[in-house]
């Protein structure tokens, strides 16, 4: 899977949000805000193919957590991206 084309992370008013690039008149009915970990993952994965295992490995590399917690967090993060329509298989 990978992030859909055209979505970018921008900092607006101190918050990191996902926006669609190049659209005239923004659809602001739904804003996807990212926490620090999500920004880290997004920036490292932008333009690349990835799966939950890749995300898990990145979490293990960055944080002092066990593999089970990293698996659960990675699966949850990918699921939320899918729910928000930000990734494609």
Protein backbone atom coordinates (compact mmCIF):
# COMPACT_ATOMS: atom_id res chain seq x y z
CA UNK A 1 0.00 0.00 0.00
CA UNK A 2 0.99 3.63 -0.28
CA UNK A 3 -0.39 7.08 0.44
CA UNK A 4 -2.76 8.32 -2.24
CA UNK A 5 -1.32 10.87 -4.66
CA UNK A 6 -1.87 14.50 -3.83
CA UNK A 7 -2.07 14.26 -0.05
CA UNK A 8 0.55 16.24 1.85
CA UNK A 9 1.22 17.00 5.50
CA UNK A 10 1.27 20.69 6.34
CA UNK A 11 1.65 22.56 9.59
CA UNK A 12 -1.26 24.90 10.16
CA UNK A 13 -1.65 26.87 13.39
CA UNK A 14 0.82 24.59 15.16
CA UNK A 15 -0.95 21.37 14.12
CA UNK A 16 0.16 18.89 11.46
CA UNK A 17 -2.73 18.10 9.13
CA UNK A 18 -3.19 16.15 5.92
CA UNK A 19 -4.43 18.21 2.99
CA UNK A 20 -5.11 17.55 -0.69
CA UNK A 21 -2.69 19.50 -2.88
CA UNK A 22 -3.78 21.41 -5.94
CA UNK A 23 -7.51 21.66 -5.31
CA UNK A 24 -9.26 24.96 -5.77
CA UNK A 25 -11.36 25.61 -2.72
CA UNK A 26 -10.49 23.26 0.10
CA UNK A 27 -12.98 20.78 1.43
CA UNK A 28 -12.63 21.49 5.13
CA UNK A 29 -15.48 19.33 6.30
CA UNK A 30 -12.91 16.79 7.41
CA UNK A 31 -9.41 17.54 8.61
CA UNK A 32 -7.02 14.75 9.52
CA UNK A 33 -4.65 15.87 12.27
CA UNK A 34 -1.45 13.92 12.90
CA UNK A 35 0.42 13.47 16.14
CA UNK A 36 4.22 13.46 16.33
CA UNK A 37 4.51 9.74 15.63
CA UNK A 38 2.16 9.92 12.64
CA UNK A 39 4.15 12.81 11.17
CA UNK A 40 7.36 10.81 11.60
CA UNK A 41 5.84 7.77 9.87
CA UNK A 42 4.23 9.83 7.09
CA UNK A 43 7.46 11.66 6.28
CA UNK A 44 9.49 8.44 6.15
CA UNK A 45 6.90 6.52 4.11
CA UNK A 46 5.80 9.22 1.64
CA UNK A 47 6.20 7.96 -1.93
CA UNK A 48 7.02 4.41 -0.82
CA UNK A 49 5.16 1.14 -0.65
CA UNK A 50 4.66 -0.12 2.90
CA UNK A 51 2.62 -2.45 5.04
CA UNK A 52 1.92 -2.80 8.76
CA UNK A 53 5.15 -4.80 9.23
CA UNK A 54 7.22 -1.91 7.88
CA UNK A 55 5.40 0.49 10.22
CA UNK A 56 5.97 -1.91 13.13
CA UNK A 57 9.69 -2.04 12.41
CA UNK A 58 9.87 1.76 12.29
CA UNK A 59 8.10 2.00 15.64
CA UNK A 60 10.47 -0.54 17.19
CA UNK A 61 13.44 1.37 15.81
CA UNK A 62 12.27 4.70 17.27
CA UNK A 63 10.55 3.76 20.53
CA UNK A 64 11.30 1.52 23.48
CA UNK A 65 8.26 -0.75 23.11
CA UNK A 66 7.81 -4.48 22.75
CA UNK A 67 7.00 -6.14 19.45
CA UNK A 68 3.40 -6.99 20.43
CA UNK A 69 2.62 -3.32 21.21
CA UNK A 70 4.34 -2.21 18.00
CA UNK A 71 2.26 -4.72 15.99
CA UNK A 72 -0.98 -3.46 17.53
CA UNK A 73 -0.06 0.20 17.06
CA UNK A 74 1.02 -0.34 13.45
CA UNK A 75 -2.18 -2.20 12.57
CA UNK A 76 -4.28 0.49 14.25
CA UNK A 77 -2.44 3.29 12.40
CA UNK A 78 -2.84 1.60 9.00
CA UNK A 79 -6.52 0.95 9.75
CA UNK A 80 -7.11 4.62 10.58
CA UNK A 81 -5.37 5.72 7.38
CA UNK A 82 -7.58 3.34 5.42
CA UNK A 83 -10.72 4.61 7.20
CA UNK A 84 -9.76 8.18 6.28
CA UNK A 85 -9.19 7.22 2.63
CA UNK A 86 -5.53 8.24 2.67
CA UNK A 87 -3.97 5.01 1.39
CA UNK A 88 -4.42 2.72 -1.57
CA UNK A 89 -3.40 -0.90 -1.98
